[in-house]
């Protein structure tokens, strides 16, 4: 495979340095900057709606409201049951711990009865 030939560079004229670079943009100065101007909103006249369009919009809002109320009711049911579930878990844990403790006592009592 043949290697590419090196390209010849033009010699720089004597007495001249490299060409000057264009000035760099200055970074923004630190400190508070004035906020950009905010365009004022143009008041618009409401578009006329037909009674049928208003009825459809109201029906859509009702459906969304009913869905939101159902979601809140479901969340409330869960929060009402949390203390009941916590009490049941505590009772089950206490019962299981007591059952284990009673079993251990029975085992060790039998061991002591044989020694006496």
PDB file of N, CA and C in Angstrom:
ATOM      1  N   UNK A   1       0.843  -1.155   0.000  1.00  0.00           N
ATOM      2  CA  UNK A   1       0.000   0.000   0.000  1.00  0.00           C
ATOM      3  C   UNK A   1       0.896   1.227   0.000  1.00  0.00           C
ATOM      4  N   UNK A   2       0.609   2.151  -0.843  1.00  0.00           N
ATOM      5  CA  UNK A   2       1.458   3.339  -0.984  1.00  0.00           C
ATOM      6  C   UNK A   2       1.079   4.365   0.066  1.00  0.00           C
ATOM      7  N   UNK A   3       2.108   4.983   0.635  1.00  0.00           N
ATOM      8  CA  UNK A   3       1.858   6.031   1.628  1.00  0.00           C
ATOM      9  C   UNK A   3       1.576   7.335   0.899  1.00  0.00           C
ATOM     10  N   UNK A   4       0.674   8.167   1.448  1.00  0.00           N
ATOM     11  CA  UNK A   4       0.398   9.442   0.787  1.00  0.00           C
ATOM     12  C   UNK A   4       1.619  10.350   0.872  1.00  0.00           C
ATOM     13  N   UNK A   5       1.797  11.115  -0.179  1.00  0.00           N
ATOM     14  CA  UNK A   5       2.942  12.024  -0.202  1.00  0.00           C
ATOM     15  C   UNK A   5       2.686  13.186   0.745  1.00  0.00           C
ATOM     16  N   UNK A   6       3.732  13.616   1.457  1.00  0.00           N
ATOM     17  CA  UNK A   6       3.539  14.767   2.362  1.00  0.00           C
ATOM     18  C   UNK A   6       3.265  16.017   1.533  1.00  0.00           C
ATOM     19  N   UNK A   7       2.329  16.846   2.041  1.00  0.00           N
ATOM     20  CA  UNK A   7       1.996  18.069   1.341  1.00  0.00           C
ATOM     21  C   UNK A   7       3.033  19.137   1.655  1.00  0.00           C
ATOM     22  N   UNK A   8       3.374  19.889   0.646  1.00  0.00           N
ATOM     23  CA  UNK A   8       4.374  20.942   0.833  1.00  0.00           C
ATOM     24  C   UNK A   8       3.697  22.143   1.474  1.00  0.00           C
ATOM     25  N   UNK A   9       4.361  22.711   2.500  1.00  0.00           N
ATOM     26  CA  UNK A   9       3.841  23.910   3.159  1.00  0.00           C
ATOM     27  C   UNK A   9       4.504  25.124   2.545  1.00  0.00           C
ATOM     28  N   UNK A  10       3.704  26.159   2.431  1.00  0.00           N
ATOM     29  CA  UNK A  10       4.280  27.401   1.921  1.00  0.00           C
ATOM     30  C   UNK A  10       5.110  28.030   3.024  1.00  0.00           C
ATOM     31  N   UNK A  11       6.299  28.502   2.716  1.00  0.00           N
ATOM     32  CA  UNK A  11       7.109  29.136   3.756  1.00  0.00           C
ATOM     33  C   UNK A  11       6.504  30.478   4.141  1.00  0.00           C
ATOM     34  N   UNK A  12       6.553  30.770   5.470  1.00  0.00           N
ATOM     35  CA  UNK A  12       6.039  32.056   5.949  1.00  0.00           C
ATOM     36  C   UNK A  12       7.045  33.143   5.601  1.00  0.00           C
ATOM     37  N   UNK A  13       6.558  34.309   5.189  1.00  0.00           N
ATOM     38  CA  UNK A  13       7.494  35.389   4.903  1.00  0.00           C
ATOM     39  C   UNK A  13       8.228  35.809   6.168  1.00  0.00           C
ATOM     40  N   UNK A  14       9.475  36.180   5.990  1.00  0.00           N
ATOM     41  CA  UNK A  14      10.284  36.587   7.134  1.00  0.00           C
ATOM     42  C   UNK A  14       9.786  37.907   7.698  1.00  0.00           C
ATOM     43  N   UNK A  15       9.863  38.038   9.032  1.00  0.00           N
ATOM     44  CA  UNK A  15       9.504  39.292   9.676  1.00  0.00           C
ATOM     45  C   UNK A  15       8.029  39.394  10.018  1.00  0.00           C
ATOM     46  N   UNK A  16       7.244  38.464   9.600  1.00  0.00           N
ATOM     47  CA  UNK A  16       5.821  38.517   9.940  1.00  0.00           C
ATOM     48  C   UNK A  16       5.493  37.348  10.861  1.00  0.00           C
ATOM     49  N   UNK A  17       4.678  37.615  11.848  1.00  0.00           N
ATOM     50  CA  UNK A  17       4.241  36.567  12.761  1.00  0.00           C
ATOM     51  C   UNK A  17       2.959  35.940  12.242  1.00  0.00           C
ATOM     52  N   UNK A  18       2.369  35.125  13.048  1.00  0.00           N
ATOM     53  CA  UNK A  18       1.108  34.524  12.624  1.00  0.00           C
ATOM     54  C   UNK A  18       0.016  35.592  12.494  1.00  0.00           C
ATOM     55  N   UNK A  19      -0.970  35.294  11.711  1.00  0.00           N
ATOM     56  CA  UNK A  19      -2.034  36.269  11.502  1.00  0.00           C
ATOM     57  C   UNK A  19      -2.770  36.517  12.819  1.00  0.00           C
ATOM     58  N   UNK A  20      -3.197  37.762  13.055  1.00  0.00           N
ATOM     59  CA  UNK A  20      -3.893  38.064  14.320  1.00  0.00           C
ATOM     60  C   UNK A  20      -5.255  37.373  14.356  1.00  0.00           C
ATOM     61  N   UNK A  21      -5.630  36.915  15.542  1.00  0.00           N
ATOM     62  CA  UNK A  21      -6.906  36.246  15.745  1.00  0.00           C
ATOM     63  C   UNK A  21      -7.995  37.303  15.970  1.00  0.00           C
ATOM     64  N   UNK A  22      -9.212  37.015  15.568  1.00  0.00           N
ATOM     65  CA  UNK A  22     -10.287  37.972  15.848  1.00  0.00           C
ATOM     66  C   UNK A  22     -10.521  38.053  17.357  1.00  0.00           C
ATOM     67  N   UNK A  23     -10.974  39.182  17.877  1.00  0.00           N
ATOM     68  CA  UNK A  23     -11.157  39.312  19.334  1.00  0.00           C
ATOM     69  C   UNK A  23     -12.238  38.349  19.830  1.00  0.00           C
ATOM     70  N   UNK A  24     -12.000  37.773  21.005  1.00  0.00           N
ATOM     71  CA  UNK A  24     -12.956  36.845  21.616  1.00  0.00           C
ATOM     72  C   UNK A  24     -14.074  37.648  22.262  1.00  0.00           C
ATOM     73  N   UNK A  25     -15.276  37.104  22.248  1.00  0.00           N
ATOM     74  CA  UNK A  25     -16.355  37.803  22.957  1.00  0.00           C
ATOM     75  C   UNK A  25     -16.101  37.744  24.461  1.00  0.00           C
ATOM     76  N   UNK A  26     -16.367  38.835  25.147  1.00  0.00           N
ATOM     77  CA  UNK A  26     -16.140  38.906  26.579  1.00  0.00           C
ATOM     78  C   UNK A  26     -17.251  38.154  27.315  1.00  0.00           C
ATOM     79  N   UNK A  27     -16.877  37.423  28.378  1.00  0.00           N
ATOM     80  CA  UNK A  27     -17.917  36.743  29.154  1.00  0.00           C
ATOM     81  C   UNK A  27     -18.781  37.785  29.857  1.00  0.00           C
ATOM     82  N   UNK A  28     -20.016  37.438  30.145  1.00  0.00           N
ATOM     83  CA  UNK A  28     -20.880  38.405  30.818  1.00  0.00           C
ATOM     84  C   UNK A  28     -20.335  38.735  32.194  1.00  0.00           C
ATOM     85  N   UNK A  29     -20.497  39.963  32.575  1.00  0.00           N
ATOM     86  CA  UNK A  29     -20.000  40.403  33.881  1.00  0.00           C
ATOM     87  C   UNK A  29     -20.910  39.852  34.962  1.00  0.00           C
ATOM     88  N   UNK A  30     -20.319  39.416  36.088  1.00  0.00           N
ATOM     89  CA  UNK A  30     -21.155  38.894  37.170  1.00  0.00           C
ATOM     90  C   UNK A  30     -21.962  40.031  37.794  1.00  0.00           C
ATOM     91  N   UNK A  31     -23.058  39.658  38.392  1.00  0.00           N
ATOM     92  CA  UNK A  31     -23.903  40.639  39.048  1.00  0.00           C
ATOM     93  C   UNK A  31     -25.318  40.535  38.532  1.00  0.00           C
ATOM     94  N   UNK A  32     -26.179  41.297  39.119  1.00  0.00           N
ATOM     95  CA  UNK A  32     -27.575  41.206  38.687  1.00  0.00           C
ATOM     96  C   UNK A  32     -27.757  41.731  37.269  1.00  0.00           C
ATOM     97  N   UNK A  33     -28.444  40.969  36.493  1.00  0.00           N
ATOM     98  CA  UNK A  33     -28.745  41.357  35.128  1.00  0.00           C
ATOM     99  C   UNK A  33     -30.194  41.818  35.077  1.00  0.00           C
ATOM    100  N   UNK A  34     -30.483  42.818  34.293  1.00  0.00           N
ATOM    101  CA  UNK A  34     -31.884  43.229  34.198  1.00  0.00           C
ATOM    102  C   UNK A  34     -32.692  42.145  33.504  1.00  0.00           C
ATOM    103  N   UNK A  35     -33.908  41.910  33.982  1.00  0.00           N
ATOM    104  CA  UNK A  35     -34.715  40.860  33.354  1.00  0.00           C
ATOM    105  C   UNK A  35     -35.095  41.264  31.936  1.00  0.00           C
ATOM    106  N   UNK A  36     -35.265  40.270  31.078  1.00  0.00           N
ATOM    107  CA  UNK A  36     -35.645  40.602  29.704  1.00  0.00           C
ATOM    108  C   UNK A  36     -37.051  41.204  29.698  1.00  0.00           C
ATOM    109  N   UNK A  37     -37.331  42.057  28.747  1.00  0.00           N
ATOM    110  CA  UNK A  37     -38.656  42.667  28.724  1.00  0.00           C
ATOM    111  C   UNK A  37     -39.731  41.614  28.451  1.00  0.00           C
ATOM    112  N   UNK A  38     -40.820  41.728  29.177  1.00  0.00           N
ATOM    113  CA  UNK A  38     -41.926  40.787  29.037  1.00  0.00           C
ATOM    114  C   UNK A  38     -42.976  41.436  28.148  1.00  0.00           C
ATOM    115  N   UNK A  39     -43.347  40.756  27.076  1.00  0.00           N
ATOM    116  CA  UNK A  39     -44.375  41.359  26.228  1.00  0.00           C
ATOM    117  C   UNK A  39     -45.713  41.368  26.952  1.00  0.00           C
ATOM    118  N   UNK A  40     -46.430  42.440  26.783  1.00  0.00           N
ATOM    119  CA  UNK A  40     -47.731  42.553  27.437  1.00  0.00           C
ATOM    120  C   UNK A  40     -48.735  41.685  26.681  1.00  0.00           C
ATOM    121  N   UNK A  41     -49.535  40.922  27.428  1.00  0.00           N
ATOM    122  CA  UNK A  41     -50.513  40.082  26.733  1.00  0.00           C
ATOM    123  C   UNK A  41     -51.581  40.948  26.077  1.00  0.00           C
ATOM    124  N   UNK A  42     -51.937  40.544  24.902  1.00  0.00           N
ATOM    125  CA  UNK A  42     -52.970  41.259  24.181  1.00  0.00           C
ATOM    126  C   UNK A  42     -54.327  40.699  24.599  1.00  0.00           C
ATOM    127  N   UNK A  43     -55.237  41.563  25.045  1.00  0.00           N
ATOM    128  CA  UNK A  43     -56.550  41.039  25.428  1.00  0.00           C
ATOM    129  C   UNK A  43     -57.275  40.502  24.204  1.00  0.00           C
ATOM    130  N   UNK A  44     -57.820  39.314  24.363  1.00  0.00           N
ATOM    131  CA  UNK A  44     -58.560  38.700  23.265  1.00  0.00           C
ATOM    132  C   UNK A  44     -60.024  38.644  23.647  1.00  0.00           C
ATOM    133  N   UNK A  45     -60.824  38.783  22.682  1.00  0.00           N
ATOM    134  CA  UNK A  45     -62.247  38.635  22.924  1.00  0.00           C
ATOM    135  C   UNK A  45     -62.572  37.151  22.886  1.00  0.00           C
ATOM    136  N   UNK A  46     -63.409  36.690  23.815  1.00  0.00           N
ATOM    137  CA  UNK A  46     -63.744  35.263  23.799  1.00  0.00           C
ATOM    138  C   UNK A  46     -64.487  34.910  22.527  1.00  0.00           C
ATOM    139  N   UNK A  47     -64.171  33.719  22.056  1.00  0.00           N
ATOM    140  CA  UNK A  47     -64.831  33.258  20.846  1.00  0.00           C
ATOM    141  C   UNK A  47     -66.258  32.869  21.182  1.00  0.00           C
ATOM    142  N   UNK A  48     -67.201  33.222  20.365  1.00  0.00           N
ATOM    143  CA  UNK A  48     -68.580  32.850  20.663  1.00  0.00           C
ATOM    144  C   UNK A  48     -68.737  31.335  20.583  1.00  0.00           C
ATOM    145  N   UNK A  49     -69.446  30.768  21.554  1.00  0.00           N
ATOM    146  CA  UNK A  49     -69.663  29.328  21.570  1.00  0.00           C
ATOM    147  C   UNK A  49     -71.147  29.043  21.423  1.00  0.00           C
ATOM    148  N   UNK A  50     -71.395  27.949  20.798  1.00  0.00           N
ATOM    149  CA  UNK A  50     -72.787  27.549  20.640  1.00  0.00           C
ATOM    150  C   UNK A  50     -73.243  26.880  21.928  1.00  0.00           C
ATOM    151  N   UNK A  51     -74.523  26.875  22.200  1.00  0.00           N
ATOM    152  CA  UNK A  51     -75.004  26.191  23.412  1.00  0.00           C
ATOM    153  C   UNK A  51     -74.607  24.714  23.450  1.00  0.00           C
ATOM    154  N   UNK A  52     -74.545  24.079  22.302  1.00  0.00           N
ATOM    155  CA  UNK A  52     -74.155  22.665  22.261  1.00  0.00           C
ATOM    156  C   UNK A  52     -72.692  22.487  22.681  1.00  0.00           C
ATOM    157  N   UNK A  53     -71.819  23.396  22.251  1.00  0.00           N
ATOM    158  CA  UNK A  53     -70.399  23.312  22.624  1.00  0.00           C
ATOM    159  C   UNK A  53     -70.239  23.523  24.124  1.00  0.00           C
ATOM    160  N   UNK A  54     -71.022  24.436  24.694  1.00  0.00           N
ATOM    161  CA  UNK A  54     -70.965  24.682  26.141  1.00  0.00           C
ATOM    162  C   UNK A  54     -71.436  23.438  26.892  1.00  0.00           C
ATOM    163  N   UNK A  55     -72.509  22.808  26.412  1.00  0.00           N
ATOM    164  CA  UNK A  55     -73.009  21.593  27.067  1.00  0.00           C
ATOM    165  C   UNK A  55     -71.967  20.475  27.039  1.00  0.00           C
ATOM    166  N   UNK A  56     -71.290  20.311  25.896  1.00  0.00           N
ATOM    167  CA  UNK A  56     -70.237  19.279  25.808  1.00  0.00           C
ATOM    168  C   UNK A  56     -69.092  19.573  26.763  1.00  0.00           C
ATOM    169  N   UNK A  57     -68.709  20.834  26.875  1.00  0.00           N
ATOM    170  CA  UNK A  57     -67.621  21.204  27.783  1.00  0.00           C
ATOM    171  C   UNK A  57     -68.013  20.928  29.228  1.00  0.00           C
ATOM    172  N   UNK A  58     -69.255  21.262  29.591  1.00  0.00           N
ATOM    173  CA  UNK A  58     -69.717  21.021  30.964  1.00  0.00           C
ATOM    174  C   UNK A  58     -69.765  19.522  31.247  1.00  0.00           C
ATOM    175  N   UNK A  59     -70.220  18.731  30.301  1.00  0.00           N
ATOM    176  CA  UNK A  59     -70.281  17.284  30.494  1.00  0.00           C
ATOM    177  C   UNK A  59     -68.878  16.693  30.668  1.00  0.00           C
ATOM    178  N   UNK A  60     -67.940  17.174  29.901  1.00  0.00           N
ATOM    179  CA  UNK A  60     -66.554  16.710  30.026  1.00  0.00           C
ATOM    180  C   UNK A  60     -65.994  17.055  31.406  1.00  0.00           C
ATOM    181  N   UNK A  61     -66.266  18.262  31.872  1.00  0.00           N
ATOM    182  CA  UNK A  61     -65.798  18.673  33.202  1.00  0.00           C
ATOM    183  C   UNK A  61     -66.435  17.807  34.284  1.00  0.00           C
ATOM    184  N   UNK A  62     -67.717  17.473  34.127  1.00  0.00           N
ATOM    185  CA  UNK A  62     -68.395  16.614  35.108  1.00  0.00           C
ATOM    186  C   UNK A  62     -67.734  15.241  35.185  1.00  0.00           C
ATOM    187  N   UNK A  63     -67.409  14.681  34.019  1.00  0.00           N
ATOM    188  CA  UNK A  63     -66.769  13.367  34.006  1.00  0.00           C
ATOM    189  C   UNK A  63     -65.403  13.412  34.685  1.00  0.00           C
ATOM    190  N   UNK A  64     -64.645  14.459  34.420  1.00  0.00           N
ATOM    191  CA  UNK A  64     -63.330  14.593  35.053  1.00  0.00           C
ATOM    192  C   UNK A  64     -63.477  14.753  36.563  1.00  0.00           C
ATOM    193  N   UNK A  65     -64.468  15.528  36.991  1.00  0.00           N
ATOM    194  CA  UNK A  65     -64.693  15.741  38.418  1.00  0.00           C
ATOM    195  C   UNK A  65     -65.115  14.433  39.092  1.00  0.00           C
ATOM    196  N   UNK A  66     -65.975  13.661  38.430  1.00  0.00           N
ATOM    197  CA  UNK A  66     -66.408  12.387  39.003  1.00  0.00           C
ATOM    198  C   UNK A  66     -65.229  11.433  39.147  1.00  0.00           C
ATOM    199  N   UNK A  67     -64.348  11.410  38.161  1.00  0.00           N
ATOM    200  CA  UNK A  67     -63.158  10.551  38.242  1.00  0.00           C
ATOM    201  C   UNK A  67     -62.261  10.986  39.405  1.00  0.00           C
ATOM    202  N   UNK A  68     -62.083  12.290  39.567  1.00  0.00           N
ATOM    203  CA  UNK A  68     -61.240  12.790  40.660  1.00  0.00           C
ATOM    204  C   UNK A  68     -61.843  12.449  42.019  1.00  0.00           C
ATOM    205  N   UNK A  69     -63.172  12.566  42.148  1.00  0.00           N
ATOM    206  CA  UNK A  69     -63.831  12.243  43.417  1.00  0.00           C
ATOM    207  C   UNK A  69     -63.682  10.754  43.721  1.00  0.00           C
ATOM    208  N   UNK A  70     -63.828   9.897  42.711  1.00  0.00           N
ATOM    209  CA  UNK A  70     -63.647   8.460  42.916  1.00  0.00           C
ATOM    210  C   UNK A  70     -62.232   8.138  43.378  1.00  0.00           C
ATOM    211  N   UNK A  71     -61.252   8.798  42.785  1.00  0.00           N
ATOM    212  CA  UNK A  71     -59.853   8.574  43.187  1.00  0.00           C
ATOM    213  C   UNK A  71     -59.636   8.973  44.642  1.00  0.00           C
ATOM    214  N   UNK A  72     -60.221  10.097  45.044  1.00  0.00           N
ATOM    215  CA  UNK A  72     -60.078  10.533  46.431  1.00  0.00           C
ATOM    216  C   UNK A  72     -60.771   9.579  47.389  1.00  0.00           C
ATOM    217  N   UNK A  73     -61.923   9.057  46.999  1.00  0.00           N
ATOM    218  CA  UNK A  73     -62.627   8.108  47.866  1.00  0.00           C
ATOM    219  C   UNK A  73     -61.814   6.839  48.053  1.00  0.00           C
ATOM    220  N   UNK A  74     -61.195   6.355  46.985  1.00  0.00           N
ATOM    221  CA  UNK A  74     -60.355   5.160  47.095  1.00  0.00           C
ATOM    222  C   UNK A  74     -59.180   5.404  48.023  1.00  0.00           C
ATOM    223  N   UNK A  75     -58.557   6.568  47.913  1.00  0.00           N
ATOM    224  CA  UNK A  75     -57.420   6.897  48.776  1.00  0.00           C
ATOM    225  C   UNK A  75     -57.872   6.998  50.230  1.00  0.00           C
ATOM    226  N   UNK A  76     -59.059   7.530  50.463  1.00  0.00           N
ATOM    227  CA  UNK A  76     -59.571   7.661  51.822  1.00  0.00           C
ATOM    228  C   UNK A  76     -59.857   6.295  52.422  1.00  0.00           C
ATOM    229  N   UNK A  77     -60.379   5.360  51.613  1.00  0.00           N
ATOM    230  CA  UNK A  77     -60.646   4.015  52.115  1.00  0.00           C
ATOM    231  C   UNK A  77     -59.359   3.352  52.577  1.00  0.00           C
ATOM    232  N   UNK A  78     -58.297   3.540  51.821  1.00  0.00           N
ATOM    233  CA  UNK A  78     -57.015   2.949  52.210  1.00  0.00           C
ATOM    234  C   UNK A  78     -56.501   3.567  53.503  1.00  0.00           C
ATOM    235  N   UNK A  79     -56.620   4.872  53.638  1.00  0.00           N
ATOM    236  CA  UNK A  79     -56.089   5.522  54.839  1.00  0.00           C
ATOM    237  C   UNK A  79     -56.911   5.161  56.066  1.00  0.00           C
ATOM    238  N   UNK A  80     -58.216   4.855  55.908  1.00  0.00           N
ATOM    239  CA  UNK A  80     -59.041   4.442  57.036  1.00  0.00           C
ATOM    240  C   UNK A  80     -58.630   3.039  57.478  1.00  0.00           C
ATOM    241  N   UNK A  81     -58.265   2.183  56.553  1.00  0.00           N
ATOM    242  CA  UNK A  81     -57.921   0.802  56.887  1.00  0.00           C
ATOM    243  C   UNK A  81     -56.507   0.644  57.427  1.00  0.00           C
ATOM    244  N   UNK A  82     -55.665   1.639  57.314  1.00  0.00           N
ATOM    245  CA  UNK A  82     -54.273   1.511  57.767  1.00  0.00           C
ATOM    246  C   UNK A  82     -54.196   1.212  59.265  1.00  0.00           C
ATOM    247  N   UNK A  83     -54.911   1.924  60.148  1.00  0.00           N
ATOM    248  CA  UNK A  83     -54.818   1.577  61.583  1.00  0.00           C
ATOM    249  C   UNK A  83     -55.319   0.152  61.865  1.00  0.00           C
ATOM    250  N   UNK A  84     -56.353  -0.287  61.158  1.00  0.00           N
ATOM    251  CA  UNK A  84     -56.867  -1.634  61.362  1.00  0.00           C
ATOM    252  C   UNK A  84     -55.839  -2.683  60.944  1.00  0.00           C
ATOM    253  N   UNK A  85     -55.201  -2.464  59.805  1.00  0.00           N
ATOM    254  CA  UNK A  85     -54.182  -3.394  59.316  1.00  0.00           C
ATOM    255  C   UNK A  85     -52.981  -3.403  60.260  1.00  0.00           C
ATOM    256  N   UNK A  86     -52.597  -2.233  60.761  1.00  0.00           N
ATOM    257  CA  UNK A  86     -51.463  -2.165  61.686  1.00  0.00           C
ATOM    258  C   UNK A  86     -51.781  -2.914  62.981  1.00  0.00           C
ATOM    259  N   UNK A  87     -52.992  -2.763  63.491  1.00  0.00           N
ATOM    260  CA  UNK A  87     -53.375  -3.466  64.717  1.00  0.00           C
ATOM    261  C   UNK A  87     -53.382  -4.976  64.491  1.00  0.00           C
ATOM    262  N   UNK A  88     -53.885  -5.418  63.344  1.00  0.00           N
ATOM    263  CA  UNK A  88     -53.906  -6.849  63.044  1.00  0.00           C
ATOM    264  C   UNK A  88     -52.484  -7.400  62.936  1.00  0.00           C
ATOM    265  N   UNK A  89     -51.600  -6.663  62.305  1.00  0.00           N
ATOM    266  CA  UNK A  89     -50.209  -7.115  62.178  1.00  0.00           C
ATOM    267  C   UNK A  89     -49.542  -7.194  63.548  1.00  0.00           C
ATOM    268  N   UNK A  90     -49.819  -6.212  64.400  1.00  0.00           N
ATOM    269  CA  UNK A  90     -49.251  -6.234  65.750  1.00  0.00           C
ATOM    270  C   UNK A  90     -49.758  -7.440  66.529  1.00  0.00           C
ATOM    271  N   UNK A  91     -51.065  -7.698  66.434  1.00  0.00           N
ATOM    272  CA  UNK A  91     -51.643  -8.847  67.142  1.00  0.00           C
ATOM    273  C   UNK A  91     -51.070 -10.164  66.643  1.00  0.00           C
ATOM    274  N   UNK A  92     -50.943 -10.292  65.326  1.00  0.00           N
ATOM    275  CA  UNK A  92     -50.395 -11.528  64.777  1.00  0.00           C
ATOM    276  C   UNK A  92     -48.944 -11.713  65.218  1.00  0.00           C
ATOM    277  N   UNK A  93     -48.182 -10.645  65.212  1.00  0.00           N
ATOM    278  CA  UNK A  93     -46.791 -10.744  65.661  1.00  0.00           C
ATOM    279  C   UNK A  93     -46.690 -11.117  67.125  1.00  0.00           C
ATOM    280  N   UNK A  94     -47.552 -10.516  67.943  1.00  0.00           N
ATOM    281  CA  UNK A  94     -47.547 -10.822  69.378  1.00  0.00           C
ATOM    282  C   UNK A  94     -47.930 -12.280  69.616  1.00  0.00           C
ATOM    283  N   UNK A  95     -48.950 -12.749  68.877  1.00  0.00           N
ATOM    284  CA  UNK A  95     -49.386 -14.132  69.018  1.00  0.00           C
ATOM    285  C   UNK A  95     -48.280 -15.105  68.609  1.00  0.00           C
ATOM    286  N   UNK A  96     -47.640 -14.817  67.458  1.00  0.00           N
ATOM    287  CA  UNK A  96     -46.573 -15.704  67.001  1.00  0.00           C
ATOM    288  C   UNK A  96     -45.392 -15.692  67.957  1.00  0.00           C
ATOM    289  N   UNK A  97     -45.051 -14.524  68.463  1.00  0.00           N
ATOM    290  CA  UNK A  97     -43.932 -14.452  69.408  1.00  0.00           C
ATOM    291  C   UNK A  97     -44.279 -15.199  70.688  1.00  0.00           C
ATOM    292  N   UNK A  98     -45.524 -15.072  71.137  1.00  0.00           N
ATOM    293  CA  UNK A  98     -45.945 -15.804  72.337  1.00  0.00           C
ATOM    294  C   UNK A  98     -45.945 -17.294  72.096  1.00  0.00           C
ATOM    295  N   UNK A  99     -46.381 -17.717  70.947  1.00  0.00           N
ATOM    296  CA  UNK A  99     -46.392 -19.139  70.630  1.00  0.00           C
ATOM    297  C   UNK A  99     -44.993 -19.706  70.587  1.00  0.00           C
ATOM    298  N   UNK A 100     -44.063 -18.965  70.041  1.00  0.00           N
ATOM    299  CA  UNK A 100     -42.667 -19.423  69.997  1.00  0.00           C
ATOM    300  C   UNK A 100     -42.101 -19.485  71.405  1.00  0.00           C
ATOM    301  N   UNK A 101     -42.424 -18.443  72.185  1.00  0.00           N
ATOM    302  CA  UNK A 101     -41.918 -18.419  73.565  1.00  0.00           C
ATOM    303  C   UNK A 101     -42.459 -19.584  74.384  1.00  0.00           C
ATOM    304  N   UNK A 102     -43.741 -19.892  74.221  1.00  0.00           N
ATOM    305  CA  UNK A 102     -44.339 -21.006  74.973  1.00  0.00           C
ATOM    306  C   UNK A 102     -43.706 -22.320  74.562  1.00  0.00           C
ATOM    307  N   UNK A 103     -43.443 -22.486  73.274  1.00  0.00           N
ATOM    308  CA  UNK A 103     -42.818 -23.720  72.793  1.00  0.00           C
ATOM    309  C   UNK A 103     -41.415 -23.871  73.372  1.00  0.00           C
ATOM    310  N   UNK A 104     -40.661 -22.800  73.388  1.00  0.00           N
ATOM    311  CA  UNK A 104     -39.297 -22.846  73.928  1.00  0.00           C
ATOM    312  C   UNK A 104     -39.337 -23.179  75.413  1.00  0.00           C
ATOM    313  N   UNK A 105     -40.303 -22.599  76.152  1.00  0.00           N
ATOM    314  CA  UNK A 105     -40.403 -22.895  77.586  1.00  0.00           C
ATOM    315  C   UNK A 105     -40.726 -24.372  77.827  1.00  0.00           C
ATOM    316  N   UNK A 106     -41.607 -24.895  76.998  1.00  0.00           N
ATOM    317  CA  UNK A 106     -41.935 -26.318  77.152  1.00  0.00           C
ATOM    318  C   UNK A 106     -40.711 -27.196  76.936  1.00  0.00           C
ATOM    319  N   UNK A 107     -39.934 -26.892  75.936  1.00  0.00           N
ATOM    320  CA  UNK A 107     -38.750 -27.700  75.629  1.00  0.00           C
ATOM    321  C   UNK A 107     -37.754 -27.616  76.774  1.00  0.00           C
ATOM    322  N   UNK A 108     -37.475 -26.434  77.274  1.00  0.00           N
ATOM    323  CA  UNK A 108     -36.480 -26.301  78.338  1.00  0.00           C
ATOM    324  C   UNK A 108     -37.004 -26.827  79.670  1.00  0.00           C
ATOM    325  N   UNK A 109     -38.320 -26.765  79.910  1.00  0.00           N
ATOM    326  CA  UNK A 109     -38.876 -27.282  81.161  1.00  0.00           C
ATOM    327  C   UNK A 109     -38.720 -28.796  81.197  1.00  0.00           C
ATOM    328  N   UNK A 110     -38.943 -29.464  80.092  1.00  0.00           N
ATOM    329  CA  UNK A 110     -38.801 -30.918  80.056  1.00  0.00           C
ATOM    330  C   UNK A 110     -37.354 -31.313  80.317  1.00  0.00           C
ATOM    331  N   UNK A 111     -36.438 -30.513  79.822  1.00  0.00           N
ATOM    332  CA  UNK A 111     -35.027 -30.821  80.069  1.00  0.00           C
ATOM    333  C   UNK A 111     -34.693 -30.687  81.544  1.00  0.00           C
ATOM    334  N   UNK A 112     -35.283 -29.695  82.220  1.00  0.00           N
ATOM    335  CA  UNK A 112     -35.011 -29.514  83.644  1.00  0.00           C
ATOM    336  C   UNK A 112     -35.698 -30.582  84.484  1.00  0.00           C
ATOM    337  N   UNK A 113     -36.876 -31.055  84.049  1.00  0.00           N
ATOM    338  CA  UNK A 113     -37.604 -32.063  84.820  1.00  0.00           C
ATOM    339  C   UNK A 113     -36.835 -33.382  84.836  1.00  0.00           C
ATOM    340  N   UNK A 114     -36.150 -33.728  83.780  1.00  0.00           N
ATOM    341  CA  UNK A 114     -35.416 -34.983  83.748  1.00  0.00           C
ATOM    342  C   UNK A 114     -34.198 -34.947  84.644  1.00  0.00           C
ATOM    343  N   UNK A 115     -33.623 -33.788  84.869  1.00  0.00           N
ATOM    344  CA  UNK A 115     -32.428 -33.688  85.705  1.00  0.00           C
ATOM    345  C   UNK A 115     -32.762 -33.792  87.198  1.00  0.00           C
ATOM    346  N   UNK A 116     -33.936 -33.407  87.576  1.00  0.00           N
ATOM    347  CA  UNK A 116     -34.249 -33.403  89.005  1.00  0.00           C
ATOM    348  C   UNK A 116     -34.496 -34.756  89.576  1.00  0.00           C
TER     349      UNK A 116
END
